C-alpha atoms as a PDB file:
ATOM      1  CA  MET A   1      -0.252   0.135  -0.032  1.00  0.00           C
ATOM      2  CA  ASN A   2       1.187   3.562  -0.852  1.00  0.00           C
ATOM      3  CA  ASP A   3       0.699   5.951   1.656  1.00  0.00           C
ATOM      4  CA  ARG A   4       1.839   8.677  -0.459  1.00  0.00           C
ATOM      5  CA  PRO A   5      -0.912  11.459  -0.794  1.00  0.00           C
ATOM      6  CA  PRO A   6      -1.374  12.578  -4.602  1.00  0.00           C
ATOM      7  CA  GLU A   7       1.246  15.275  -5.951  1.00  0.00           C
ATOM      8  CA  ASP A   8      -0.954  17.952  -6.101  1.00  0.00           C
ATOM      9  CA  GLU A   9      -1.980  17.549  -2.244  1.00  0.00           C
ATOM     10  CA  LEU A  10       1.596  16.843  -1.071  1.00  0.00           C
ATOM     11  CA  ALA A  11       2.905  19.962  -2.924  1.00  0.00           C
ATOM     12  CA  HIS A  12       0.562  22.223  -0.864  1.00  0.00           C
ATOM     13  CA  HIS A  13       1.382  20.426   2.260  1.00  0.00           C
ATOM     14  CA  GLU A  14       5.194  21.435   1.721  1.00  0.00           C
ATOM     15  CA  ALA A  15       4.292  24.589   0.747  1.00  0.00           C
ATOM     16  CA  GLY A  16       2.440  25.469   3.427  1.00  0.00           C
ATOM     17  CA  HIS A  17       5.375  24.392   6.006  1.00  0.00           C
ATOM     18  CA  ALA A  18       7.940  26.363   3.661  1.00  0.00           C
ATOM     19  CA  VAL A  19       5.949  29.702   3.233  1.00  0.00           C
ATOM     20  CA  VAL A  20       4.709  29.561   6.718  1.00  0.00           C
ATOM     21  CA  SER A  21       8.428  29.183   7.919  1.00  0.00           C
ATOM     22  CA  ALA A  22       9.640  31.952   5.770  1.00  0.00           C
ATOM     23  CA  VAL A  23       7.182  34.475   6.648  1.00  0.00           C
ATOM     24  CA  LEU A  24       7.516  33.956  10.129  1.00  0.00           C
ATOM     25  CA  GLY A  25      11.432  34.900   9.840  1.00  0.00           C
ATOM     26  CA  PHE A  26      13.396  31.205   9.439  1.00  0.00           C
ATOM     27  CA  PRO A  27      13.018  30.446   5.764  1.00  0.00           C
ATOM     28  CA  PRO A  28      14.233  26.950   4.723  1.00  0.00           C
ATOM     29  CA  ASP A  29      16.909  26.079   2.950  1.00  0.00           C
ATOM     30  CA  TYR A  30      14.745  23.996   0.764  1.00  0.00           C
ATOM     31  CA  VAL A  31      11.447  22.439  -0.039  1.00  0.00           C
ATOM     32  CA  THR A  32      11.017  19.048  -2.109  1.00  0.00           C
ATOM     33  CA  LEU A  33       8.610  16.629  -3.109  1.00  0.00           C
ATOM     34  CA  VAL A  34      11.251  14.160  -2.998  1.00  0.00           C
ATOM     35  CA  GLN A  35      10.888  10.896  -1.145  1.00  0.00           C
ATOM     36  CA  ASP A  36      13.671  10.336   1.435  1.00  0.00           C
ATOM     37  CA  GLY A  37      12.584   7.336   3.441  1.00  0.00           C
ATOM     38  CA  ASN A  38       9.530   7.207   5.221  1.00  0.00           C
ATOM     39  CA  ALA A  39       8.916  10.808   4.522  1.00  0.00           C
ATOM     40  CA  ALA A  40       6.858  12.006   1.132  1.00  0.00           C
ATOM     41  CA  GLY A  41       8.024  15.309   1.000  1.00  0.00           C
ATOM     42  CA  ALA A  42      10.113  17.687   3.077  1.00  0.00           C
ATOM     43  CA  SER A  43      10.616  21.435   3.923  1.00  0.00           C
ATOM     44  CA  GLY A  44      13.799  22.385   6.032  1.00  0.00           C
ATOM     45  CA  HIS A  45      16.965  23.403   7.214  1.00  0.00           C
ATOM     46  CA  ALA A  46      20.132  22.152   6.878  1.00  0.00           C
ATOM     47  CA  GLY A  47      21.311  20.725  10.179  1.00  0.00           C
ATOM     48  CA  GLY A  48      17.713  21.819  11.668  1.00  0.00           C
ATOM     49  CA  TYR A  49      15.845  24.624  12.555  1.00  0.00           C
ATOM     50  CA  LYS A  50      17.985  27.581  13.276  1.00  0.00           C
ATOM     51  CA  MET A  51      16.202  28.663  16.521  1.00  0.00           C
ATOM     52  CA  VAL A  52      17.536  29.819  19.749  1.00  0.00           C
ATOM     53  CA  ARG A  53      14.610  31.561  21.547  1.00  0.00           C
ATOM     54  CA  ALA A  54      11.738  30.867  23.086  1.00  0.00           C
ATOM     55  CA  PRO A  55       9.033  32.273  20.751  1.00  0.00           C
ATOM     56  CA  GLY A  56      10.712  30.353  17.877  1.00  0.00           C
ATOM     57  CA  VAL A  57       9.563  27.230  19.476  1.00  0.00           C
ATOM     58  CA  MET A  58       6.309  28.638  19.254  1.00  0.00           C
ATOM     59  CA  ASP A  59       7.166  29.058  15.755  1.00  0.00           C
ATOM     60  CA  GLN A  60       8.089  25.945  15.017  1.00  0.00           C
ATOM     61  CA  MET A  61       4.816  24.853  16.383  1.00  0.00           C
ATOM     62  CA  THR A  62       2.845  26.980  13.915  1.00  0.00           C
ATOM     63  CA  VAL A  63       4.913  25.584  11.090  1.00  0.00           C
ATOM     64  CA  SER A  64       4.677  22.099  12.149  1.00  0.00           C
ATOM     65  CA  TYR A  65       0.787  22.222  11.663  1.00  0.00           C
ATOM     66  CA  ALA A  66       0.910  24.512   8.722  1.00  0.00           C
ATOM     67  CA  GLY A  67       1.385  21.608   6.260  1.00  0.00           C
ATOM     68  CA  TYR A  68      -1.451  19.853   7.373  1.00  0.00           C
ATOM     69  CA  ALA A  69      -3.500  23.265   7.357  1.00  0.00           C
ATOM     70  CA  ALA A  70      -2.580  23.757   3.923  1.00  0.00           C
ATOM     71  CA  HIS A  71      -3.350  20.210   2.798  1.00  0.00           C
ATOM     72  CA  ILE A  72      -7.126  20.743   4.109  1.00  0.00           C
ATOM     73  CA  LYS A  73      -7.271  23.918   2.539  1.00  0.00           C
ATOM     74  CA  TYR A  74      -6.270  22.496  -0.900  1.00  0.00           C
ATOM     75  CA  ALA A  75      -8.096  19.290  -0.283  1.00  0.00           C
ATOM     76  CA  PRO A  76     -10.773  19.346   2.526  1.00  0.00           C
ATOM     77  CA  HIS A  77     -11.953  15.663   1.496  1.00  0.00           C
ATOM     78  CA  ALA A  78      -8.729  14.322   2.282  1.00  0.00           C
ATOM     79  CA  GLU A  79      -8.723  14.850   5.461  1.00  0.00           C
ATOM     80  CA  GLU A  80      -7.446  11.411   6.492  1.00  0.00           C
ATOM     81  CA  CYS A  81      -4.881  11.405   4.181  1.00  0.00           C
ATOM     82  CA  ALA A  82      -3.540  14.793   5.311  1.00  0.00           C
ATOM     83  CA  LEU A  83      -3.727  13.344   9.143  1.00  0.00           C
ATOM     84  CA  ALA A  84      -1.697  10.334   7.826  1.00  0.00           C
ATOM     85  CA  GLY A  85       0.715  12.787   6.399  1.00  0.00           C
ATOM     86  CA  ALA A  86       1.108  15.147   9.295  1.00  0.00           C
ATOM     87  CA  ARG A  87       1.667  12.420  11.839  1.00  0.00           C
ATOM     88  CA  ASP A  88       5.557  13.417  12.088  1.00  0.00           C
ATOM     89  CA  ASP A  89       4.577  16.946  11.841  1.00  0.00           C
ATOM     90  CA  PHE A  90       1.969  16.628  14.718  1.00  0.00           C
ATOM     91  CA  GLU A  91       5.082  14.626  16.600  1.00  0.00           C
ATOM     92  CA  ARG A  92       7.327  17.340  15.962  1.00  0.00           C
ATOM     93  CA  ALA A  93       4.725  19.996  17.611  1.00  0.00           C
ATOM     94  CA  GLU A  94       4.306  17.724  20.933  1.00  0.00           C
ATOM     95  CA  ARG A  95       8.176  17.639  21.168  1.00  0.00           C
ATOM     96  CA  CYS A  96       7.934  21.335  20.982  1.00  0.00           C
ATOM     97  CA  MET A  97       5.522  21.930  23.637  1.00  0.00           C
ATOM     98  CA  SER A  98       7.898  19.555  26.053  1.00  0.00           C
ATOM     99  CA  VAL A  99      10.122  22.843  26.315  1.00  0.00           C
ATOM    100  CA  LEU A 100       7.031  24.852  27.333  1.00  0.00           C
ATOM    101  CA  PRO A 101       5.394  26.042  30.936  1.00  0.00           C
ATOM    102  CA  ILE A 102       2.345  23.723  30.094  1.00  0.00           C
ATOM    103  CA  ASP A 103      -0.411  24.641  33.001  1.00  0.00           C
ATOM    104  CA  ALA A 104      -3.004  22.245  34.698  1.00  0.00           C
ATOM    105  CA  GLY A 105      -5.345  22.502  31.327  1.00  0.00           C
ATOM    106  CA  GLY A 106      -2.812  20.448  29.605  1.00  0.00           C
ATOM    107  CA  THR A 107      -1.497  20.084  26.056  1.00  0.00           C
ATOM    108  CA  ALA A 108      -5.061  20.336  24.209  1.00  0.00           C
ATOM    109  CA  PRO A 109      -5.529  23.731  24.423  1.00  0.00           C
ATOM    110  CA  VAL A 110      -2.103  24.485  23.299  1.00  0.00           C
ATOM    111  CA  VAL A 111      -2.403  22.320  20.381  1.00  0.00           C
ATOM    112  CA  ARG A 112      -5.496  23.791  19.265  1.00  0.00           C
ATOM    113  CA  HIS A 113      -3.873  27.505  19.587  1.00  0.00           C
ATOM    114  CA  TYR A 114      -1.455  26.399  17.316  1.00  0.00           C
ATOM    115  CA  GLN A 115      -3.123  24.502  15.013  1.00  0.00           C
ATOM    116  CA  ALA A 116      -5.355  27.901  14.639  1.00  0.00           C
ATOM    117  CA  GLU A 117      -2.343  30.038  14.013  1.00  0.00           C
ATOM    118  CA  ALA A 118      -1.207  27.813  11.276  1.00  0.00           C
ATOM    119  CA  ALA A 119      -4.860  27.940   9.784  1.00  0.00           C
ATOM    120  CA  LYS A 120      -4.581  31.806  10.034  1.00  0.00           C
ATOM    121  CA  GLN A 121      -0.915  32.044   8.476  1.00  0.00           C
ATOM    122  CA  VAL A 122      -2.028  29.550   5.489  1.00  0.00           C
ATOM    123  CA  ASP A 123      -5.198  31.780   4.851  1.00  0.00           C
ATOM    124  CA  ALA A 124      -2.999  34.906   4.929  1.00  0.00           C
ATOM    125  CA  ASN A 125      -0.652  33.385   2.678  1.00  0.00           C
ATOM    126  CA  TRP A 126      -2.502  31.143   0.400  1.00  0.00           C
ATOM    127  CA  PRO A 127      -1.732  33.028  -2.931  1.00  0.00           C
ATOM    128  CA  ALA A 128       1.982  32.327  -2.183  1.00  0.00           C
ATOM    129  CA  ILE A 129       1.325  28.373  -0.863  1.00  0.00           C
ATOM    130  CA  GLN A 130      -0.332  28.165  -4.188  1.00  0.00           C
ATOM    131  CA  ARG A 131       2.495  29.454  -6.146  1.00  0.00           C
ATOM    132  CA  VAL A 132       5.190  27.402  -4.568  1.00  0.00           C
ATOM    133  CA  ALA A 133       2.942  24.592  -4.808  1.00  0.00           C
ATOM    134  CA  THR A 134       2.639  24.733  -8.457  1.00  0.00           C
ATOM    135  CA  ALA A 135       6.659  25.726  -8.824  1.00  0.00           C
ATOM    136  CA  LEU A 136       7.301  22.096  -6.685  1.00  0.00           C
ATOM    137  CA  GLN A 137       5.171  20.190  -9.041  1.00  0.00           C
ATOM    138  CA  ALA A 138       7.301  21.083 -12.001  1.00  0.00           C
ATOM    139  CA  GLU A 139      10.537  21.694 -10.253  1.00  0.00           C
ATOM    140  CA  LYS A 140      10.183  18.915  -7.960  1.00  0.00           C
ATOM    141  CA  SER A 141      12.713  20.428  -5.394  1.00  0.00           C
ATOM    142  CA  ILE A 142      13.197  24.770  -4.406  1.00  0.00           C
ATOM    143  CA  ASP A 143      15.736  25.948  -2.888  1.00  0.00           C
ATOM    144  CA  SER A 144      15.766  29.186  -0.620  1.00  0.00           C
ATOM    145  CA  ALA A 145      16.474  31.945  -3.246  1.00  0.00           C
ATOM    146  CA  ARG A 146      13.996  30.529  -5.453  1.00  0.00           C
ATOM    147  CA  LEU A 147      10.994  30.026  -2.548  1.00  0.00           C
ATOM    148  CA  GLN A 148      11.655  33.529  -1.541  1.00  0.00           C
ATOM    149  CA  GLU A 149      11.540  34.501  -5.414  1.00  0.00           C
ATOM    150  CA  LEU A 150       8.030  32.732  -5.348  1.00  0.00           C
ATOM    151  CA  ILE A 151       6.852  34.033  -2.004  1.00  0.00           C
ATOM    152  CA  GLY A 152       7.755  37.850  -3.199  1.00  0.00           C
ATOM    153  CA  SER A 153       6.346  37.539  -6.829  1.00  0.00           C
ATOM    154  CA  PRO A 154       2.839  38.725  -7.708  1.00  0.00           C
ATOM    155  CA  PRO A 155       0.035  36.649  -8.177  1.00  0.00           C
ATOM    156  CA  PRO A 156      -0.763  35.332 -11.869  1.00  0.00           C
ATOM    157  CA  SER A 157      -2.745  36.845 -13.955  1.00  0.00           C
ATOM    158  CA  THR A 158      -6.334  35.639 -14.687  1.00  0.00           C
ATOM    159  CA  ALA A 159      -6.659  38.145 -17.294  1.00  0.00           C
ATOM    160  CA  GLY A 160      -6.909  36.665 -20.811  1.00  0.00           C
END
């Protein structure tokens, strides 16, 4: 059984991570649809995320949930596939929570907060996510310079 989502959905998932990471101030070195081991695609930084401050941990949680949020925005009918594809992302977010002071209310409110923040960032940056996803489908891998070019470029013209 192949658990890899359709390429267009995967492209939106990875574009969500990459664009939200970039707009939060730590653009990834690359984003790719090339499968590596169990990962169907990836967006990341050589040597791991480059964050040393507590707000960075919170930003990383938002980025971890952004792939799922973009996947669902693009393909609302594919929630089961999106959840399966985001399993490692959700685990990464949980690891981030381990450094936060969580009160007696537990982790559920924290998870809801950062999932909502991710969805808000995806909505606010949807045109850039769509540009990156389209480019990913054509190019398969994008470096940081190309990502910034796509994020900063105007939306494609619909005039015809």
